[in-house]
PDB file of N, CA and C in Angstrom:
ATOM      1  N   MET A   1     119.022 137.580  69.042  1.00  0.00           N
ATOM      2  CA  MET A   1     117.929 137.324  69.951  1.00  0.00           C
ATOM      3  C   MET A   1     116.899 138.440  69.792  1.00  0.00           C
ATOM      4  N   SER A   2     115.639 138.078  69.829  1.00  0.00           N
ATOM      5  CA  SER A   2     114.594 139.077  69.648  1.00  0.00           C
ATOM      6  C   SER A   2     114.309 139.806  70.960  1.00  0.00           C
ATOM      7  N   ASP A   3     113.553 140.924  70.845  1.00  0.00           N
ATOM      8  CA  ASP A   3     113.207 141.696  72.030  1.00  0.00           C
ATOM      9  C   ASP A   3     112.297 140.905  72.970  1.00  0.00           C
ATOM     10  N   VAL A   4     111.454 140.057  72.420  1.00  0.00           N
ATOM     11  CA  VAL A   4     110.550 139.275  73.257  1.00  0.00           C
ATOM     12  C   VAL A   4     111.346 138.313  74.141  1.00  0.00           C
ATOM     13  N   ALA A   5     112.340 137.681  73.565  1.00  0.00           N
ATOM     14  CA  ALA A   5     113.147 136.744  74.339  1.00  0.00           C
ATOM     15  C   ALA A   5     113.939 137.470  75.420  1.00  0.00           C
ATOM     16  N   LYS A   6     114.361 138.696  75.135  1.00  0.00           N
ATOM     17  CA  LYS A   6     115.132 139.450  76.117  1.00  0.00           C
ATOM     18  C   LYS A   6     114.261 139.932  77.271  1.00  0.00           C
ATOM     19  N   ARG A   7     112.981 140.202  77.010  1.00  0.00           N
ATOM     20  CA  ARG A   7     112.105 140.757  78.034  1.00  0.00           C
ATOM     21  C   ARG A   7     111.519 139.705  78.979  1.00  0.00           C
ATOM     22  N   GLN A   8     111.575 138.453  78.617  1.00  0.00           N
ATOM     23  CA  GLN A   8     110.989 137.428  79.484  1.00  0.00           C
ATOM     24  C   GLN A   8     111.840 137.259  80.735  1.00  0.00           C
ATOM     25  N   THR A   9     111.188 137.282  81.845  1.00  0.00           N
ATOM     26  CA  THR A   9     111.907 137.110  83.103  1.00  0.00           C
ATOM     27  C   THR A   9     112.051 135.618  83.389  1.00  0.00           C
ATOM     28  N   PRO A  10     113.140 135.258  83.987  1.00  0.00           N
ATOM     29  CA  PRO A  10     113.326 133.838  84.313  1.00  0.00           C
ATOM     30  C   PRO A  10     112.328 133.415  85.393  1.00  0.00           C
ATOM     31  N   PRO A  11     111.983 132.162  85.413  1.00  0.00           N
ATOM     32  CA  PRO A  11     111.050 131.704  86.443  1.00  0.00           C
ATOM     33  C   PRO A  11     111.680 131.847  87.828  1.00  0.00           C
ATOM     34  N   PRO A  12     110.861 132.080  88.839  1.00  0.00           N
ATOM     35  CA  PRO A  12     111.430 132.241  90.181  1.00  0.00           C
ATOM     36  C   PRO A  12     112.030 130.931  90.670  1.00  0.00           C
ATOM     37  N   SER A  13     113.027 131.065  91.486  1.00  0.00           N
ATOM     38  CA  SER A  13     113.670 129.880  92.044  1.00  0.00           C
ATOM     39  C   SER A  13     113.796 130.053  93.554  1.00  0.00           C
ATOM     40  N   THR A  14     114.262 129.022  94.210  1.00  0.00           N
ATOM     41  CA  THR A  14     114.439 129.110  95.657  1.00  0.00           C
ATOM     42  C   THR A  14     115.575 130.065  96.026  1.00  0.00           C
ATOM     43  N   LEU A  15     116.447 130.358  95.069  1.00  0.00           N
ATOM     44  CA  LEU A  15     117.516 131.315  95.346  1.00  0.00           C
ATOM     45  C   LEU A  15     116.999 132.746  95.332  1.00  0.00           C
ATOM     46  N   THR A  16     116.086 133.039  94.407  1.00  0.00           N
ATOM     47  CA  THR A  16     115.565 134.405  94.321  1.00  0.00           C
ATOM     48  C   THR A  16     114.404 134.638  95.278  1.00  0.00           C
ATOM     49  N   GLU A  17     113.625 133.594  95.537  1.00  0.00           N
ATOM     50  CA  GLU A  17     112.498 133.716  96.471  1.00  0.00           C
ATOM     51  C   GLU A  17     112.494 132.502  97.404  1.00  0.00           C
ATOM     52  N   PRO A  18     113.049 132.634  98.594  1.00  0.00           N
ATOM     53  CA  PRO A  18     113.168 131.488  99.492  1.00  0.00           C
ATOM     54  C   PRO A  18     111.832 130.908  99.958  1.00  0.00           C
ATOM     55  N   LYS A  19     110.745 131.671  99.811  1.00  0.00           N
ATOM     56  CA  LYS A  19     109.433 131.171 100.239  1.00  0.00           C
ATOM     57  C   LYS A  19     108.913 130.061  99.327  1.00  0.00           C
ATOM     58  N   LEU A  20     109.542 129.842  98.201  1.00  0.00           N
ATOM     59  CA  LEU A  20     109.063 128.853  97.246  1.00  0.00           C
ATOM     60  C   LEU A  20     109.569 127.440  97.540  1.00  0.00           C
ATOM     61  N   THR A  21     110.238 127.254  98.664  1.00  0.00           N
ATOM     62  CA  THR A  21     110.737 125.916  98.970  1.00  0.00           C
ATOM     63  C   THR A  21     109.569 124.973  99.205  1.00  0.00           C
ATOM     64  N   ARG A  22     109.722 123.770  98.747  1.00  0.00           N
ATOM     65  CA  ARG A  22     108.671 122.768  98.910  1.00  0.00           C
ATOM     66  C   ARG A  22     108.826 122.069 100.254  1.00  0.00           C
ATOM     67  N   GLU A  23     107.706 121.848 100.894  1.00  0.00           N
ATOM     68  CA  GLU A  23     107.712 121.053 102.106  1.00  0.00           C
ATOM     69  C   GLU A  23     107.209 119.668 101.731  1.00  0.00           C
ATOM     70  N   PRO A  24     108.038 118.675 101.872  1.00  0.00           N
ATOM     71  CA  PRO A  24     107.613 117.336 101.443  1.00  0.00           C
ATOM     72  C   PRO A  24     106.499 116.792 102.320  1.00  0.00           C
ATOM     73  N   ARG A  25     105.535 116.144 101.682  1.00  0.00           N
ATOM     74  CA  ARG A  25     104.471 115.473 102.427  1.00  0.00           C
ATOM     75  C   ARG A  25     104.962 114.091 102.801  1.00  0.00           C
ATOM     76  N   GLU A  26     104.477 113.617 103.890  1.00  0.00           N
ATOM     77  CA  GLU A  26     104.893 112.306 104.360  1.00  0.00           C
ATOM     78  C   GLU A  26     103.859 111.271 103.925  1.00  0.00           C
ATOM     79  N   TYR A  27     104.288 110.320 103.132  1.00  0.00           N
ATOM     80  CA  TYR A  27     103.431 109.240 102.690  1.00  0.00           C
ATOM     81  C   TYR A  27     103.989 107.933 103.233  1.00  0.00           C
ATOM     82  N   HIS A  28     103.134 107.170 103.857  1.00  0.00           N
ATOM     83  CA  HIS A  28     103.574 105.901 104.419  1.00  0.00           C
ATOM     84  C   HIS A  28     103.454 104.774 103.407  1.00  0.00           C
ATOM     85  N   HIS A  29     102.547 104.872 102.473  1.00  0.00           N
ATOM     86  CA  HIS A  29     102.316 103.842 101.466  1.00  0.00           C
ATOM     87  C   HIS A  29     102.016 102.494 102.111  1.00  0.00           C
ATOM     88  N   GLY A  30     101.270 102.515 103.195  1.00  0.00           N
ATOM     89  CA  GLY A  30     100.867 101.271 103.821  1.00  0.00           C
ATOM     90  C   GLY A  30     101.908 100.627 104.696  1.00  0.00           C
ATOM     91  N   ARG A  31     102.922 101.346 105.096  1.00  0.00           N
ATOM     92  CA  ARG A  31     103.970 100.775 105.946  1.00  0.00           C
ATOM     93  C   ARG A  31     103.601 100.924 107.416  1.00  0.00           C
ATOM     94  N   THR A  32     102.474 100.351 107.801  1.00  0.00           N
ATOM     95  CA  THR A  32     102.021 100.398 109.179  1.00  0.00           C
ATOM     96  C   THR A  32     101.655  98.990 109.620  1.00  0.00           C
ATOM     97  N   PRO A  33     101.684  98.730 110.920  1.00  0.00           N
ATOM     98  CA  PRO A  33     101.302  97.399 111.393  1.00  0.00           C
ATOM     99  C   PRO A  33      99.883  97.013 110.994  1.00  0.00           C
ATOM    100  N   ALA A  34      98.958  97.958 111.012  1.00  0.00           N
ATOM    101  CA  ALA A  34      97.577  97.645 110.649  1.00  0.00           C
ATOM    102  C   ALA A  34      97.473  97.174 109.204  1.00  0.00           C
ATOM    103  N   SER A  35      98.172  97.823 108.311  1.00  0.00           N
ATOM    104  CA  SER A  35      98.082  97.422 106.902  1.00  0.00           C
ATOM    105  C   SER A  35      98.804  96.103 106.648  1.00  0.00           C
ATOM    106  N   TRP A  36      99.932  95.883 107.322  1.00  0.00           N
ATOM    107  CA  TRP A  36     100.647  94.619 107.131  1.00  0.00           C
ATOM    108  C   TRP A  36      99.842  93.442 107.659  1.00  0.00           C
ATOM    109  N   ILE A  37      99.280  93.581 108.847  1.00  0.00           N
ATOM    110  CA  ILE A  37      98.469  92.493 109.412  1.00  0.00           C
ATOM    111  C   ILE A  37      97.265  92.227 108.526  1.00  0.00           C
ATOM    112  N   GLY A  38      96.586  93.280 108.098  1.00  0.00           N
ATOM    113  CA  GLY A  38      95.418  93.108 107.232  1.00  0.00           C
ATOM    114  C   GLY A  38      95.764  92.472 105.898  1.00  0.00           C
ATOM    115  N   SER A  39      96.846  92.916 105.295  1.00  0.00           N
ATOM    116  CA  SER A  39      97.236  92.382 103.989  1.00  0.00           C
ATOM    117  C   SER A  39      97.666  90.931 104.065  1.00  0.00           C
ATOM    118  N   MET A  40      98.476  90.615 105.043  1.00  0.00           N
ATOM    119  CA  MET A  40      98.975  89.242 105.145  1.00  0.00           C
ATOM    120  C   MET A  40      97.858  88.271 105.539  1.00  0.00           C
ATOM    121  N   THR A  41      96.950  88.702 106.411  1.00  0.00           N
ATOM    122  CA  THR A  41      95.832  87.843 106.787  1.00  0.00           C
ATOM    123  C   THR A  41      94.900  87.632 105.596  1.00  0.00           C
ATOM    124  N   ALA A  42      94.644  88.676 104.834  1.00  0.00           N
ATOM    125  CA  ALA A  42      93.811  88.527 103.632  1.00  0.00           C
ATOM    126  C   ALA A  42      94.497  87.643 102.599  1.00  0.00           C
ATOM    127  N   LEU A  43      95.809  87.721 102.513  1.00  0.00           N
ATOM    128  CA  LEU A  43      96.546  86.847 101.599  1.00  0.00           C
ATOM    129  C   LEU A  43      96.376  85.381 101.999  1.00  0.00           C
ATOM    130  N   VAL A  44      96.493  85.105 103.293  1.00  0.00           N
ATOM    131  CA  VAL A  44      96.298  83.741 103.779  1.00  0.00           C
ATOM    132  C   VAL A  44      94.870  83.281 103.488  1.00  0.00           C
ATOM    133  N   GLY A  45      93.897  84.170 103.702  1.00  0.00           N
ATOM    134  CA  GLY A  45      92.515  83.821 103.387  1.00  0.00           C
ATOM    135  C   GLY A  45      92.313  83.525 101.914  1.00  0.00           C
ATOM    136  N   GLY A  46      92.970  84.281 101.065  1.00  0.00           N
ATOM    137  CA  GLY A  46      92.877  84.033  99.624  1.00  0.00           C
ATOM    138  C   GLY A  46      93.503  82.704  99.232  1.00  0.00           C
ATOM    139  N   ILE A  47      94.614  82.383  99.863  1.00  0.00           N
ATOM    140  CA  ILE A  47      95.274  81.107  99.576  1.00  0.00           C
ATOM    141  C   ILE A  47      94.405  79.943 100.049  1.00  0.00           C
ATOM    142  N   VAL A  48      93.841  80.066 101.254  1.00  0.00           N
ATOM    143  CA  VAL A  48      92.964  79.011 101.769  1.00  0.00           C
ATOM    144  C   VAL A  48      91.752  78.848 100.859  1.00  0.00           C
ATOM    145  N   GLY A  49      91.145  79.960 100.444  1.00  0.00           N
ATOM    146  CA  GLY A  49      89.997  79.882  99.544  1.00  0.00           C
ATOM    147  C   GLY A  49      90.348  79.258  98.210  1.00  0.00           C
ATOM    148  N   THR A  50      91.513  79.563  97.689  1.00  0.00           N
ATOM    149  CA  THR A  50      91.957  78.981  96.414  1.00  0.00           C
ATOM    150  C   THR A  50      92.178  77.475  96.541  1.00  0.00           C
ATOM    151  N   ILE A  51      92.799  77.075  97.646  1.00  0.00           N
ATOM    152  CA  ILE A  51      92.999  75.640  97.870  1.00  0.00           C
ATOM    153  C   ILE A  51      91.649  74.929  97.983  1.00  0.00           C
ATOM    154  N   GLY A  52      90.713  75.564  98.676  1.00  0.00           N
ATOM    155  CA  GLY A  52      89.376  74.975  98.782  1.00  0.00           C
ATOM    156  C   GLY A  52      88.682  74.886  97.442  1.00  0.00           C
ATOM    157  N   PHE A  53      88.861  75.875  96.598  1.00  0.00           N
ATOM    158  CA  PHE A  53      88.253  75.857  95.266  1.00  0.00           C
ATOM    159  C   PHE A  53      88.853  74.738  94.419  1.00  0.00           C
ATOM    160  N   LEU A  54      90.170  74.613  94.474  1.00  0.00           N
ATOM    161  CA  LEU A  54      90.826  73.575  93.684  1.00  0.00           C
ATOM    162  C   LEU A  54      90.492  72.174  94.200  1.00  0.00           C
ATOM    163  N   ALA A  55      90.289  72.055  95.522  1.00  0.00           N
ATOM    164  CA  ALA A  55      89.954  70.759  96.100  1.00  0.00           C
ATOM    165  C   ALA A  55      88.456  70.460  95.998  1.00  0.00           C
ATOM    166  N   GLY A  56      87.665  71.459  95.697  1.00  0.00           N
ATOM    167  CA  GLY A  56      86.219  71.271  95.585  1.00  0.00           C
ATOM    168  C   GLY A  56      85.527  71.190  96.935  1.00  0.00           C
ATOM    169  N   SER A  57      86.099  71.825  97.935  1.00  0.00           N
ATOM    170  CA  SER A  57      85.552  71.776  99.282  1.00  0.00           C
ATOM    171  C   SER A  57      84.916  73.124  99.628  1.00  0.00           C
ATOM    172  N   VAL A  58      83.597  73.111  99.778  1.00  0.00           N
ATOM    173  CA  VAL A  58      82.880  74.352 100.083  1.00  0.00           C
ATOM    174  C   VAL A  58      83.265  74.865 101.465  1.00  0.00           C
ATOM    175  N   GLY A  59      83.491  73.970 102.405  1.00  0.00           N
ATOM    176  CA  GLY A  59      83.869  74.381 103.761  1.00  0.00           C
ATOM    177  C   GLY A  59      85.180  75.143 103.798  1.00  0.00           C
ATOM    178  N   VAL A  60      86.140  74.708 103.018  1.00  0.00           N
ATOM    179  CA  VAL A  60      87.439  75.390 102.990  1.00  0.00           C
ATOM    180  C   VAL A  60      87.314  76.742 102.285  1.00  0.00           C
ATOM    181  N   ILE A  61      86.467  76.805 101.266  1.00  0.00           N
ATOM    182  CA  ILE A  61      86.226  78.087 100.592  1.00  0.00           C
ATOM    183  C   ILE A  61      85.610  79.082 101.564  1.00  0.00           C
ATOM    184  N   VAL A  62      84.614  78.628 102.320  1.00  0.00           N
ATOM    185  CA  VAL A  62      83.974  79.498 103.310  1.00  0.00           C
ATOM    186  C   VAL A  62      84.989  79.919 104.372  1.00  0.00           C
ATOM    187  N   ALA A  63      85.861  78.997 104.780  1.00  0.00           N
ATOM    188  CA  ALA A  63      86.899  79.344 105.756  1.00  0.00           C
ATOM    189  C   ALA A  63      87.815  80.443 105.208  1.00  0.00           C
ATOM    190  N   GLY A  64      88.125  80.393 103.914  1.00  0.00           N
ATOM    191  CA  GLY A  64      88.930  81.444 103.298  1.00  0.00           C
ATOM    192  C   GLY A  64      88.246  82.796 103.362  1.00  0.00           C
ATOM    193  N   PHE A  65      86.928  82.813 103.093  1.00  0.00           N
ATOM    194  CA  PHE A  65      86.186  84.071 103.176  1.00  0.00           C
ATOM    195  C   PHE A  65      86.103  84.577 104.613  1.00  0.00           C
ATOM    196  N   VAL A  66      85.987  83.659 105.564  1.00  0.00           N
ATOM    197  CA  VAL A  66      85.956  84.068 106.974  1.00  0.00           C
ATOM    198  C   VAL A  66      87.297  84.687 107.376  1.00  0.00           C
ATOM    199  N   ILE A  67      88.386  84.107 106.915  1.00  0.00           N
ATOM    200  CA  ILE A  67      89.714  84.662 107.221  1.00  0.00           C
ATOM    201  C   ILE A  67      89.863  86.056 106.608  1.00  0.00           C
ATOM    202  N   ILE A  68      89.344  86.263 105.410  1.00  0.00           N
ATOM    203  CA  ILE A  68      89.397  87.593 104.793  1.00  0.00           C
ATOM    204  C   ILE A  68      88.563  88.592 105.598  1.00  0.00           C
ATOM    205  N   GLY A  69      87.424  88.145 106.105  1.00  0.00           N
ATOM    206  CA  GLY A  69      86.614  89.008 106.978  1.00  0.00           C
ATOM    207  C   GLY A  69      87.338  89.360 108.259  1.00  0.00           C
ATOM    208  N   VAL A  70      88.048  88.390 108.830  1.00  0.00           N
ATOM    209  CA  VAL A  70      88.847  88.647 110.034  1.00  0.00           C
ATOM    210  C   VAL A  70      89.942  89.669 109.726  1.00  0.00           C
ATOM    211  N   ALA A  71      90.517  89.593 108.537  1.00  0.00           N
ATOM    212  CA  ALA A  71      91.548  90.563 108.143  1.00  0.00           C
ATOM    213  C   ALA A  71      90.968  91.977 108.111  1.00  0.00           C
ATOM    214  N   LEU A  72      89.770  92.106 107.579  1.00  0.00           N
ATOM    215  CA  LEU A  72      89.131  93.425 107.528  1.00  0.00           C
ATOM    216  C   LEU A  72      88.875  93.965 108.926  1.00  0.00           C
ATOM    217  N   VAL A  73      88.330  93.121 109.790  1.00  0.00           N
ATOM    218  CA  VAL A  73      88.038  93.554 111.165  1.00  0.00           C
ATOM    219  C   VAL A  73      89.335  93.894 111.902  1.00  0.00           C
ATOM    220  N   ALA A  74      90.362  93.066 111.735  1.00  0.00           N
ATOM    221  CA  ALA A  74      91.637  93.323 112.414  1.00  0.00           C
ATOM    222  C   ALA A  74      92.256  94.639 111.947  1.00  0.00           C
ATOM    223  N   THR A  75      92.170  94.912 110.653  1.00  0.00           N
ATOM    224  CA  THR A  75      92.734  96.157 110.132  1.00  0.00           C
ATOM    225  C   THR A  75      92.003  97.368 110.710  1.00  0.00           C
ATOM    226  N   VAL A  76      90.691  97.300 110.745  1.00  0.00           N
ATOM    227  CA  VAL A  76      89.910  98.427 111.282  1.00  0.00           C
ATOM    228  C   VAL A  76      90.205  98.615 112.763  1.00  0.00           C
ATOM    229  N   LEU A  77      90.261  97.523 113.519  1.00  0.00           N
ATOM    230  CA  LEU A  77      90.555  97.631 114.958  1.00  0.00           C
ATOM    231  C   LEU A  77      91.955  98.191 115.209  1.00  0.00           C
ATOM    232  N   LEU A  78      92.941  97.684 114.495  1.00  0.00           N
ATOM    233  CA  LEU A  78      94.304  98.183 114.691  1.00  0.00           C
ATOM    234  C   LEU A  78      94.423  99.651 114.296  1.00  0.00           C
ATOM    235  N   ARG A  79      93.727 100.036 113.243  1.00  0.00           N
ATOM    236  CA  ARG A  79      93.787 101.444 112.842  1.00  0.00           C
ATOM    237  C   ARG A  79      93.133 102.344 113.889  1.00  0.00           C
ATOM    238  N   SER A  80      92.029 101.862 114.475  1.00  0.00           N
ATOM    239  CA  SER A  80      91.368 102.665 115.509  1.00  0.00           C
ATOM    240  C   SER A  80      92.199 102.721 116.791  1.00  0.00           C
ATOM    241  N   MET A  81      93.069 101.727 116.997  1.00  0.00           N
ATOM    242  CA  MET A  81      93.946 101.734 118.167  1.00  0.00           C
ATOM    243  C   MET A  81      95.202 102.574 117.948  1.00  0.00           C
ATOM    244  N   GLY A  82      95.382 103.097 116.741  1.00  0.00           N
ATOM    245  CA  GLY A  82      96.508 103.979 116.476  1.00  0.00           C
ATOM    246  C   GLY A  82      97.670 103.329 115.754  1.00  0.00           C
ATOM    247  N   TYR A  83      97.485 102.112 115.251  1.00  0.00           N
ATOM    248  CA  TYR A  83      98.564 101.430 114.553  1.00  0.00           C
ATOM    249  C   TYR A  83      98.497 101.624 113.036  1.00  0.00           C
ATOM    250  N   GLY A  84      97.614 102.464 112.582  1.00  0.00           N
ATOM    251  CA  GLY A  84      97.498 102.743 111.147  1.00  0.00           C
ATOM    252  C   GLY A  84      98.082 104.086 110.807  1.00  0.00           C
ATOM    253  N   GLN A  85      97.933 104.466 109.549  1.00  0.00           N
ATOM    254  CA  GLN A  85      98.436 105.761 109.107  1.00  0.00           C
ATOM    255  C   GLN A  85      97.532 106.864 109.616  1.00  0.00           C
ATOM    256  N   ALA A  86      98.112 107.886 110.189  1.00  0.00           N
ATOM    257  CA  ALA A  86      97.341 109.016 110.696  1.00  0.00           C
ATOM    258  C   ALA A  86      96.780 109.840 109.550  1.00  0.00           C
ATOM    259  N   ASP A  87      95.609 110.413 109.759  1.00  0.00           N
ATOM    260  CA  ASP A  87      95.020 111.294 108.752  1.00  0.00           C
ATOM    261  C   ASP A  87      95.736 112.629 108.797  1.00  0.00           C
ATOM    262  N   THR A  88      96.434 112.959 107.708  1.00  0.00           N
ATOM    263  CA  THR A  88      97.181 114.212 107.656  1.00  0.00           C
ATOM    264  C   THR A  88      96.565 115.198 106.671  1.00  0.00           C
ATOM    265  N   ASP A  89      95.382 114.911 106.193  1.00  0.00           N
ATOM    266  CA  ASP A  89      94.728 115.778 105.206  1.00  0.00           C
ATOM    267  C   ASP A  89      94.104 116.963 105.939  1.00  0.00           C
ATOM    268  N   GLU A  90      94.812 118.079 105.942  1.00  0.00           N
ATOM    269  CA  GLU A  90      94.331 119.263 106.656  1.00  0.00           C
ATOM    270  C   GLU A  90      93.255 119.999 105.872  1.00  0.00           C
ATOM    271  N   GLY A  91      93.158 119.752 104.588  1.00  0.00           N
ATOM    272  CA  GLY A  91      92.162 120.444 103.781  1.00  0.00           C
ATOM    273  C   GLY A  91      90.754 119.930 104.020  1.00  0.00           C
ATOM    274  N   ALA A  92      90.611 118.720 104.519  1.00  0.00           N
ATOM    275  CA  ALA A  92      89.288 118.135 104.738  1.00  0.00           C
ATOM    276  C   ALA A  92      88.689 118.596 106.051  1.00  0.00           C
ATOM    277  N   LYS A  93      89.497 119.155 106.932  1.00  0.00           N
ATOM    278  CA  LYS A  93      88.977 119.550 108.244  1.00  0.00           C
ATOM    279  C   LYS A  93      88.377 120.916 108.231  1.00  0.00           C
TER     280      LYS A  93
END
């Protein structure tokens, strides 16, 4: 073994320096009532719009877009009521 290899210090670990422990961040990945309601309502709107497109009915297509708009409004309202993921980004404040 060369002198260079002998002189290199091992990287620090949690055993040698306990301050290096990682604190896990909490990620919800959309597992909130606001995101589920918004996603499922938008899915229904997409299905209705697709059926309207295949049937050639402009009214049903518009109804699909209206349902998607309702999904957006419902998601924003539920999030403002506290049913969404909380903002945990402390660096932005």
